[in-house]
Amino acid sequence: MACSRLMHQIQDDEYTLDIIDQQPVLVLSPLIMAKAGEWEGSLLISRNYLLNLLKLGLEYQLLSRSDLLRESSVIQRQEQEPLSQTSP
């Protein structure tokens, strides 16, 4: 049975970064409010929580080490690409 709420990708406008209690957090939100720090109804994900999610994903075979290595290498390639020259 297909679930219409099953998320496959995260779009740029579906998350933001913030600092809460001096810790960086990833804010996943159906309601990103205009005023910073008001994350009503949002899921706030700390570094430790994110690491635990990855650990559970590996433990229950939702993810594999090769998935993480593949995504890591994609990120590394993107970081190494020279910035495009857009100056007039």
PDB file of N, CA and C in Angstrom:
ATOM      1  N   MET A   1       0.843  -1.180   0.000  1.00  0.00           N
ATOM      2  CA  MET A   1       0.000   0.000   0.000  1.00  0.00           C
ATOM      3  C   MET A   1       0.885   1.239   0.000  1.00  0.00           C
ATOM      4  N   ALA A   2       0.636   2.135  -0.911  1.00  0.00           N
ATOM      5  CA  ALA A   2       1.403   3.379  -0.997  1.00  0.00           C
ATOM      6  C   ALA A   2       0.914   4.361   0.061  1.00  0.00           C
ATOM      7  N   CYS A   3       1.863   5.071   0.632  1.00  0.00           N
ATOM      8  CA  CYS A   3       1.549   6.067   1.647  1.00  0.00           C
ATOM      9  C   CYS A   3       1.888   7.444   1.097  1.00  0.00           C
ATOM     10  N   SER A   4       0.923   8.333   1.058  1.00  0.00           N
ATOM     11  CA  SER A   4       1.171   9.660   0.486  1.00  0.00           C
ATOM     12  C   SER A   4       2.070  10.509   1.371  1.00  0.00           C
ATOM     13  N   ARG A   5       2.269  10.132   2.649  1.00  0.00           N
ATOM     14  CA  ARG A   5       3.112  10.906   3.555  1.00  0.00           C
ATOM     15  C   ARG A   5       4.540  10.387   3.609  1.00  0.00           C
ATOM     16  N   LEU A   6       4.848   9.335   2.867  1.00  0.00           N
ATOM     17  CA  LEU A   6       6.189   8.773   2.850  1.00  0.00           C
ATOM     18  C   LEU A   6       7.119   9.730   2.116  1.00  0.00           C
ATOM     19  N   MET A   7       8.165  10.163   2.803  1.00  0.00           N
ATOM     20  CA  MET A   7       9.085  11.137   2.221  1.00  0.00           C
ATOM     21  C   MET A   7      10.258  10.420   1.587  1.00  0.00           C
ATOM     22  N   HIS A   8      10.595  10.820   0.363  1.00  0.00           N
ATOM     23  CA  HIS A   8      11.711  10.224  -0.351  1.00  0.00           C
ATOM     24  C   HIS A   8      12.873  11.188  -0.504  1.00  0.00           C
ATOM     25  N   GLN A   9      12.595  12.472  -0.503  1.00  0.00           N
ATOM     26  CA  GLN A   9      13.628  13.493  -0.633  1.00  0.00           C
ATOM     27  C   GLN A   9      13.244  14.679   0.236  1.00  0.00           C
ATOM     28  N   ILE A  10      14.244  15.458   0.592  1.00  0.00           N
ATOM     29  CA  ILE A  10      13.979  16.689   1.320  1.00  0.00           C
ATOM     30  C   ILE A  10      14.320  17.859   0.400  1.00  0.00           C
ATOM     31  N   GLN A  11      13.402  18.783   0.292  1.00  0.00           N
ATOM     32  CA  GLN A  11      13.578  19.954  -0.559  1.00  0.00           C
ATOM     33  C   GLN A  11      14.238  21.077   0.243  1.00  0.00           C
ATOM     34  N   ASP A  12      14.849  22.012  -0.461  1.00  0.00           N
ATOM     35  CA  ASP A  12      15.539  23.120   0.204  1.00  0.00           C
ATOM     36  C   ASP A  12      14.636  23.924   1.130  1.00  0.00           C
ATOM     37  N   ASP A  13      13.359  24.036   0.801  1.00  0.00           N
ATOM     38  CA  ASP A  13      12.465  24.836   1.638  1.00  0.00           C
ATOM     39  C   ASP A  13      11.810  24.022   2.759  1.00  0.00           C
ATOM     40  N   GLU A  14      12.246  22.784   2.963  1.00  0.00           N
ATOM     41  CA  GLU A  14      11.675  21.933   4.002  1.00  0.00           C
ATOM     42  C   GLU A  14      12.585  21.779   5.213  1.00  0.00           C
ATOM     43  N   TYR A  15      13.700  22.486   5.221  1.00  0.00           N
ATOM     44  CA  TYR A  15      14.584  22.414   6.376  1.00  0.00           C
ATOM     45  C   TYR A  15      15.351  23.717   6.526  1.00  0.00           C
ATOM     46  N   THR A  16      15.895  23.882   7.707  1.00  0.00           N
ATOM     47  CA  THR A  16      16.795  24.987   7.971  1.00  0.00           C
ATOM     48  C   THR A  16      17.719  24.567   9.114  1.00  0.00           C
ATOM     49  N   LEU A  17      18.722  25.357   9.365  1.00  0.00           N
ATOM     50  CA  LEU A  17      19.640  25.110  10.468  1.00  0.00           C
ATOM     51  C   LEU A  17      19.446  26.204  11.499  1.00  0.00           C
ATOM     52  N   ASP A  18      19.623  25.845  12.766  1.00  0.00           N
ATOM     53  CA  ASP A  18      19.502  26.819  13.839  1.00  0.00           C
ATOM     54  C   ASP A  18      20.417  26.382  14.975  1.00  0.00           C
ATOM     55  N   ILE A  19      20.570  27.252  15.944  1.00  0.00           N
ATOM     56  CA  ILE A  19      21.306  26.939  17.169  1.00  0.00           C
ATOM     57  C   ILE A  19      20.303  26.985  18.309  1.00  0.00           C
ATOM     58  N   ILE A  20      20.174  25.894  19.014  1.00  0.00           N
ATOM     59  CA  ILE A  20      19.279  25.816  20.166  1.00  0.00           C
ATOM     60  C   ILE A  20      20.078  25.265  21.333  1.00  0.00           C
ATOM     61  N   ASP A  21      20.055  25.971  22.452  1.00  0.00           N
ATOM     62  CA  ASP A  21      20.849  25.597  23.628  1.00  0.00           C
ATOM     63  C   ASP A  21      22.314  25.405  23.267  1.00  0.00           C
ATOM     64  N   GLN A  22      22.848  26.318  22.484  1.00  0.00           N
ATOM     65  CA  GLN A  22      24.242  26.336  22.033  1.00  0.00           C
ATOM     66  C   GLN A  22      24.624  25.100  21.208  1.00  0.00           C
ATOM     67  N   GLN A  23      23.646  24.402  20.654  1.00  0.00           N
ATOM     68  CA  GLN A  23      23.912  23.231  19.818  1.00  0.00           C
ATOM     69  C   GLN A  23      23.296  23.445  18.442  1.00  0.00           C
ATOM     70  N   PRO A  24      24.040  23.118  17.375  1.00  0.00           N
ATOM     71  CA  PRO A  24      23.442  23.211  16.043  1.00  0.00           C
ATOM     72  C   PRO A  24      22.375  22.133  15.870  1.00  0.00           C
ATOM     73  N   VAL A  25      21.264  22.502  15.277  1.00  0.00           N
ATOM     74  CA  VAL A  25      20.193  21.540  15.021  1.00  0.00           C
ATOM     75  C   VAL A  25      19.708  21.702  13.583  1.00  0.00           C
ATOM     76  N   LEU A  26      19.232  20.616  13.043  1.00  0.00           N
ATOM     77  CA  LEU A  26      18.574  20.600  11.746  1.00  0.00           C
ATOM     78  C   LEU A  26      17.086  20.666  12.045  1.00  0.00           C
ATOM     79  N   VAL A  27      16.390  21.597  11.447  1.00  0.00           N
ATOM     80  CA  VAL A  27      14.961  21.778  11.685  1.00  0.00           C
ATOM     81  C   VAL A  27      14.215  21.297  10.452  1.00  0.00           C
ATOM     82  N   LEU A  28      13.446  20.225  10.626  1.00  0.00           N
ATOM     83  CA  LEU A  28      12.586  19.717   9.556  1.00  0.00           C
ATOM     84  C   LEU A  28      11.189  20.168   9.906  1.00  0.00           C
ATOM     85  N   SER A  29      10.576  20.866   8.993  1.00  0.00           N
ATOM     86  CA  SER A  29       9.353  21.505   9.413  1.00  0.00           C
ATOM     87  C   SER A  29       8.308  21.625   8.341  1.00  0.00           C
ATOM     88  N   PRO A  30       7.085  21.304   8.707  1.00  0.00           N
ATOM     89  CA  PRO A  30       5.984  21.672   7.847  1.00  0.00           C
ATOM     90  C   PRO A  30       5.648  23.153   8.033  1.00  0.00           C
ATOM     91  N   LEU A  31       6.132  23.740   9.129  1.00  0.00           N
ATOM     92  CA  LEU A  31       5.855  25.143   9.455  1.00  0.00           C
ATOM     93  C   LEU A  31       7.125  25.856   9.851  1.00  0.00           C
ATOM     94  N   ILE A  32       7.888  26.337   8.890  1.00  0.00           N
ATOM     95  CA  ILE A  32       9.044  27.148   9.232  1.00  0.00           C
ATOM     96  C   ILE A  32       8.520  28.579   9.335  1.00  0.00           C
ATOM     97  N   MET A  33       8.490  29.068  10.549  1.00  0.00           N
ATOM     98  CA  MET A  33       7.932  30.389  10.816  1.00  0.00           C
ATOM     99  C   MET A  33       8.914  31.474  10.381  1.00  0.00           C
ATOM    100  N   ALA A  34       8.409  32.653  10.118  1.00  0.00           N
ATOM    101  CA  ALA A  34       9.245  33.757   9.661  1.00  0.00           C
ATOM    102  C   ALA A  34      10.210  34.228  10.735  1.00  0.00           C
ATOM    103  N   LYS A  35       9.812  34.156  11.987  1.00  0.00           N
ATOM    104  CA  LYS A  35      10.644  34.644  13.082  1.00  0.00           C
ATOM    105  C   LYS A  35      11.576  33.521  13.532  1.00  0.00           C
ATOM    106  N   ALA A  36      12.874  33.781  13.499  1.00  0.00           N
ATOM    107  CA  ALA A  36      13.864  32.763  13.868  1.00  0.00           C
ATOM    108  C   ALA A  36      13.613  32.264  15.281  1.00  0.00           C
ATOM    109  N   GLY A  37      13.793  30.977  15.470  1.00  0.00           N
ATOM    110  CA  GLY A  37      13.646  30.381  16.789  1.00  0.00           C
ATOM    111  C   GLY A  37      12.237  29.931  17.108  1.00  0.00           C
ATOM    112  N   GLU A  38      11.276  30.204  16.248  1.00  0.00           N
ATOM    113  CA  GLU A  38       9.907  29.737  16.472  1.00  0.00           C
ATOM    114  C   GLU A  38       9.638  28.575  15.533  1.00  0.00           C
ATOM    115  N   TRP A  39       9.856  27.384  16.032  1.00  0.00           N
ATOM    116  CA  TRP A  39       9.741  26.193  15.190  1.00  0.00           C
ATOM    117  C   TRP A  39       8.533  25.367  15.620  1.00  0.00           C
ATOM    118  N   GLU A  40       7.385  25.992  15.665  1.00  0.00           N
ATOM    119  CA  GLU A  40       6.161  25.340  16.102  1.00  0.00           C
ATOM    120  C   GLU A  40       5.837  24.137  15.210  1.00  0.00           C
ATOM    121  N   GLY A  41       5.684  22.991  15.832  1.00  0.00           N
ATOM    122  CA  GLY A  41       5.344  21.781  15.102  1.00  0.00           C
ATOM    123  C   GLY A  41       6.488  21.170  14.330  1.00  0.00           C
ATOM    124  N   SER A  42       7.695  21.655  14.546  1.00  0.00           N
ATOM    125  CA  SER A  42       8.854  21.194  13.784  1.00  0.00           C
ATOM    126  C   SER A  42       9.582  20.076  14.499  1.00  0.00           C
ATOM    127  N   LEU A  43      10.226  19.255  13.721  1.00  0.00           N
ATOM    128  CA  LEU A  43      11.106  18.233  14.257  1.00  0.00           C
ATOM    129  C   LEU A  43      12.504  18.830  14.320  1.00  0.00           C
ATOM    130  N   LEU A  44      13.083  18.895  15.528  1.00  0.00           N
ATOM    131  CA  LEU A  44      14.426  19.437  15.734  1.00  0.00           C
ATOM    132  C   LEU A  44      15.377  18.263  15.902  1.00  0.00           C
ATOM    133  N   ILE A  45      16.389  18.191  15.053  1.00  0.00           N
ATOM    134  CA  ILE A  45      17.289  17.042  15.056  1.00  0.00           C
ATOM    135  C   ILE A  45      18.697  17.509  15.412  1.00  0.00           C
ATOM    136  N   SER A  46      19.188  17.009  16.530  1.00  0.00           N
ATOM    137  CA  SER A  46      20.555  17.329  16.955  1.00  0.00           C
ATOM    138  C   SER A  46      21.529  16.366  16.277  1.00  0.00           C
ATOM    139  N   ARG A  47      22.782  16.668  16.406  1.00  0.00           N
ATOM    140  CA  ARG A  47      23.833  15.817  15.838  1.00  0.00           C
ATOM    141  C   ARG A  47      23.732  14.393  16.398  1.00  0.00           C
ATOM    142  N   ASN A  48      23.581  14.276  17.724  1.00  0.00           N
ATOM    143  CA  ASN A  48      23.488  12.951  18.342  1.00  0.00           C
ATOM    144  C   ASN A  48      22.269  12.182  17.848  1.00  0.00           C
ATOM    145  N   TYR A  49      21.138  12.869  17.708  1.00  0.00           N
ATOM    146  CA  TYR A  49      19.930  12.219  17.215  1.00  0.00           C
ATOM    147  C   TYR A  49      20.135  11.724  15.788  1.00  0.00           C
ATOM    148  N   LEU A  50      20.760  12.561  14.964  1.00  0.00           N
ATOM    149  CA  LEU A  50      21.025  12.185  13.578  1.00  0.00           C
ATOM    150  C   LEU A  50      21.951  10.967  13.511  1.00  0.00           C
ATOM    151  N   LEU A  51      22.993  10.961  14.343  1.00  0.00           N
ATOM    152  CA  LEU A  51      23.891   9.804  14.385  1.00  0.00           C
ATOM    153  C   LEU A  51      23.160   8.546  14.838  1.00  0.00           C
ATOM    154  N   ASN A  52      22.258   8.698  15.803  1.00  0.00           N
ATOM    155  CA  ASN A  52      21.470   7.544  16.253  1.00  0.00           C
ATOM    156  C   ASN A  52      20.536   7.048  15.157  1.00  0.00           C
ATOM    157  N   LEU A  53      19.964   7.961  14.367  1.00  0.00           N
ATOM    158  CA  LEU A  53      19.129   7.543  13.241  1.00  0.00           C
ATOM    159  C   LEU A  53      19.940   6.742  12.225  1.00  0.00           C
ATOM    160  N   LEU A  54      21.139   7.224  11.937  1.00  0.00           N
ATOM    161  CA  LEU A  54      22.010   6.490  11.008  1.00  0.00           C
ATOM    162  C   LEU A  54      22.345   5.108  11.566  1.00  0.00           C
ATOM    163  N   LYS A  55      22.652   5.047  12.852  1.00  0.00           N
ATOM    164  CA  LYS A  55      22.971   3.766  13.499  1.00  0.00           C
ATOM    165  C   LYS A  55      21.789   2.800  13.391  1.00  0.00           C
ATOM    166  N   LEU A  56      20.580   3.298  13.670  1.00  0.00           N
ATOM    167  CA  LEU A  56      19.395   2.447  13.552  1.00  0.00           C
ATOM    168  C   LEU A  56      19.158   2.029  12.106  1.00  0.00           C
ATOM    169  N   GLY A  57      19.370   2.948  11.178  1.00  0.00           N
ATOM    170  CA  GLY A  57      19.217   2.617   9.762  1.00  0.00           C
ATOM    171  C   GLY A  57      20.147   1.502   9.338  1.00  0.00           C
ATOM    172  N   LEU A  58      21.390   1.543   9.846  1.00  0.00           N
ATOM    173  CA  LEU A  58      22.348   0.478   9.551  1.00  0.00           C
ATOM    174  C   LEU A  58      21.963  -0.820  10.258  1.00  0.00           C
ATOM    175  N   GLU A  59      21.591  -0.700  11.523  1.00  0.00           N
ATOM    176  CA  GLU A  59      21.254  -1.883  12.324  1.00  0.00           C
ATOM    177  C   GLU A  59      20.077  -2.654  11.736  1.00  0.00           C
ATOM    178  N   TYR A  60      19.060  -1.942  11.246  1.00  0.00           N
ATOM    179  CA  TYR A  60      17.870  -2.592  10.707  1.00  0.00           C
ATOM    180  C   TYR A  60      17.895  -2.700   9.187  1.00  0.00           C
ATOM    181  N   GLN A  61      19.067  -2.479   8.602  1.00  0.00           N
ATOM    182  CA  GLN A  61      19.328  -2.659   7.176  1.00  0.00           C
ATOM    183  C   GLN A  61      18.450  -1.788   6.273  1.00  0.00           C
ATOM    184  N   LEU A  62      18.046  -0.639   6.806  1.00  0.00           N
ATOM    185  CA  LEU A  62      17.396   0.354   5.970  1.00  0.00           C
ATOM    186  C   LEU A  62      18.468   1.049   5.133  1.00  0.00           C
ATOM    187  N   LEU A  63      19.671   1.161   5.705  1.00  0.00           N
ATOM    188  CA  LEU A  63      20.855   1.703   5.048  1.00  0.00           C
ATOM    189  C   LEU A  63      21.958   0.662   5.077  1.00  0.00           C
ATOM    190  N   SER A  64      22.886   0.793   4.160  1.00  0.00           N
ATOM    191  CA  SER A  64      24.083  -0.047   4.208  1.00  0.00           C
ATOM    192  C   SER A  64      25.298   0.880   4.260  1.00  0.00           C
ATOM    193  N   ARG A  65      26.423   0.335   4.636  1.00  0.00           N
ATOM    194  CA  ARG A  65      27.655   1.141   4.661  1.00  0.00           C
ATOM    195  C   ARG A  65      27.956   1.689   3.269  1.00  0.00           C
ATOM    196  N   SER A  66      27.661   0.902   2.251  1.00  0.00           N
ATOM    197  CA  SER A  66      27.925   1.384   0.887  1.00  0.00           C
ATOM    198  C   SER A  66      27.041   2.582   0.544  1.00  0.00           C
ATOM    199  N   ASP A  67      25.812   2.643   1.090  1.00  0.00           N
ATOM    200  CA  ASP A  67      24.962   3.824   0.887  1.00  0.00           C
ATOM    201  C   ASP A  67      25.640   5.065   1.443  1.00  0.00           C
ATOM    202  N   LEU A  68      26.166   4.949   2.653  1.00  0.00           N
ATOM    203  CA  LEU A  68      26.816   6.088   3.303  1.00  0.00           C
ATOM    204  C   LEU A  68      28.092   6.483   2.577  1.00  0.00           C
ATOM    205  N   LEU A  69      28.867   5.504   2.152  1.00  0.00           N
ATOM    206  CA  LEU A  69      30.103   5.798   1.426  1.00  0.00           C
ATOM    207  C   LEU A  69      29.808   6.458   0.080  1.00  0.00           C
ATOM    208  N   ARG A  70      28.776   5.985  -0.602  1.00  0.00           N
ATOM    209  CA  ARG A  70      28.392   6.552  -1.898  1.00  0.00           C
ATOM    210  C   ARG A  70      27.965   8.009  -1.728  1.00  0.00           C
ATOM    211  N   GLU A  71      27.114   8.285  -0.754  1.00  0.00           N
ATOM    212  CA  GLU A  71      26.665   9.661  -0.520  1.00  0.00           C
ATOM    213  C   GLU A  71      27.820  10.551  -0.083  1.00  0.00           C
ATOM    214  N   SER A  72      28.712  10.002   0.711  1.00  0.00           N
ATOM    215  CA  SER A  72      29.879  10.757   1.164  1.00  0.00           C
ATOM    216  C   SER A  72      30.773  11.132  -0.007  1.00  0.00           C
ATOM    217  N   SER A  73      30.961  10.213  -0.932  1.00  0.00           N
ATOM    218  CA  SER A  73      31.818  10.515  -2.088  1.00  0.00           C
ATOM    219  C   SER A  73      31.161  11.538  -3.001  1.00  0.00           C
ATOM    220  N   VAL A  74      29.829  11.526  -3.116  1.00  0.00           N
ATOM    221  CA  VAL A  74      29.123  12.534  -3.910  1.00  0.00           C
ATOM    222  C   VAL A  74      29.344  13.908  -3.292  1.00  0.00           C
ATOM    223  N   ILE A  75      29.236  14.002  -1.990  1.00  0.00           N
ATOM    224  CA  ILE A  75      29.440  15.275  -1.287  1.00  0.00           C
ATOM    225  C   ILE A  75      30.872  15.753  -1.474  1.00  0.00           C
ATOM    226  N   GLN A  76      31.825  14.846  -1.356  1.00  0.00           N
ATOM    227  CA  GLN A  76      33.228  15.224  -1.527  1.00  0.00           C
ATOM    228  C   GLN A  76      33.491  15.746  -2.936  1.00  0.00           C
ATOM    229  N   ARG A  77      32.911  15.112  -3.955  1.00  0.00           N
ATOM    230  CA  ARG A  77      33.082  15.583  -5.329  1.00  0.00           C
ATOM    231  C   ARG A  77      32.486  16.976  -5.510  1.00  0.00           C
ATOM    232  N   GLN A  78      31.315  17.205  -4.915  1.00  0.00           N
ATOM    233  CA  GLN A  78      30.681  18.514  -5.026  1.00  0.00           C
ATOM    234  C   GLN A  78      31.536  19.582  -4.357  1.00  0.00           C
ATOM    235  N   GLU A  79      32.151  19.246  -3.241  1.00  0.00           N
ATOM    236  CA  GLU A  79      33.001  20.203  -2.533  1.00  0.00           C
ATOM    237  C   GLU A  79      34.264  20.524  -3.316  1.00  0.00           C
ATOM    238  N   GLN A  80      34.735  19.592  -4.128  1.00  0.00           N
ATOM    239  CA  GLN A  80      35.971  19.783  -4.882  1.00  0.00           C
ATOM    240  C   GLN A  80      35.744  20.494  -6.212  1.00  0.00           C
ATOM    241  N   GLU A  81      34.495  20.564  -6.671  1.00  0.00           N
ATOM    242  CA  GLU A  81      34.213  21.228  -7.941  1.00  0.00           C
ATOM    243  C   GLU A  81      34.481  22.715  -7.800  1.00  0.00           C
ATOM    244  N   PRO A  82      35.164  23.301  -8.774  1.00  0.00           N
ATOM    245  CA  PRO A  82      35.428  24.748  -8.709  1.00  0.00           C
ATOM    246  C   PRO A  82      34.123  25.517  -8.828  1.00  0.00           C
ATOM    247  N   LEU A  83      34.059  26.643  -8.130  1.00  0.00           N
ATOM    248  CA  LEU A  83      32.882  27.508  -8.228  1.00  0.00           C
ATOM    249  C   LEU A  83      32.795  28.071  -9.630  1.00  0.00           C
ATOM    250  N   SER A  84      31.595  28.152 -10.165  1.00  0.00           N
ATOM    251  CA  SER A  84      31.432  28.686 -11.513  1.00  0.00           C
ATOM    252  C   SER A  84      31.755  30.182 -11.512  1.00  0.00           C
ATOM    253  N   GLN A  85      32.370  30.599 -12.569  1.00  0.00           N
ATOM    254  CA  GLN A  85      32.737  32.003 -12.734  1.00  0.00           C
ATOM    255  C   GLN A  85      31.533  32.758 -13.264  1.00  0.00           C
ATOM    256  N   THR A  86      30.863  33.543 -12.411  1.00  0.00           N
ATOM    257  CA  THR A  86      29.673  34.278 -12.844  1.00  0.00           C
ATOM    258  C   THR A  86      29.875  35.779 -12.819  1.00  0.00           C
ATOM    259  N   SER A  87      31.101  36.224 -12.646  1.00  0.00           N
ATOM    260  CA  SER A  87      31.324  37.677 -12.601  1.00  0.00           C
ATOM    261  C   SER A  87      31.190  38.266 -14.004  1.00  0.00           C
ATOM    262  N   PRO A  88      30.645  39.505 -14.092  1.00  0.00           N
ATOM    263  CA  PRO A  88      30.423  40.132 -15.418  1.00  0.00           C
ATOM    264  C   PRO A  88      31.700  40.487 -16.127  1.00  0.00           C
TER     265      PRO A  88
END
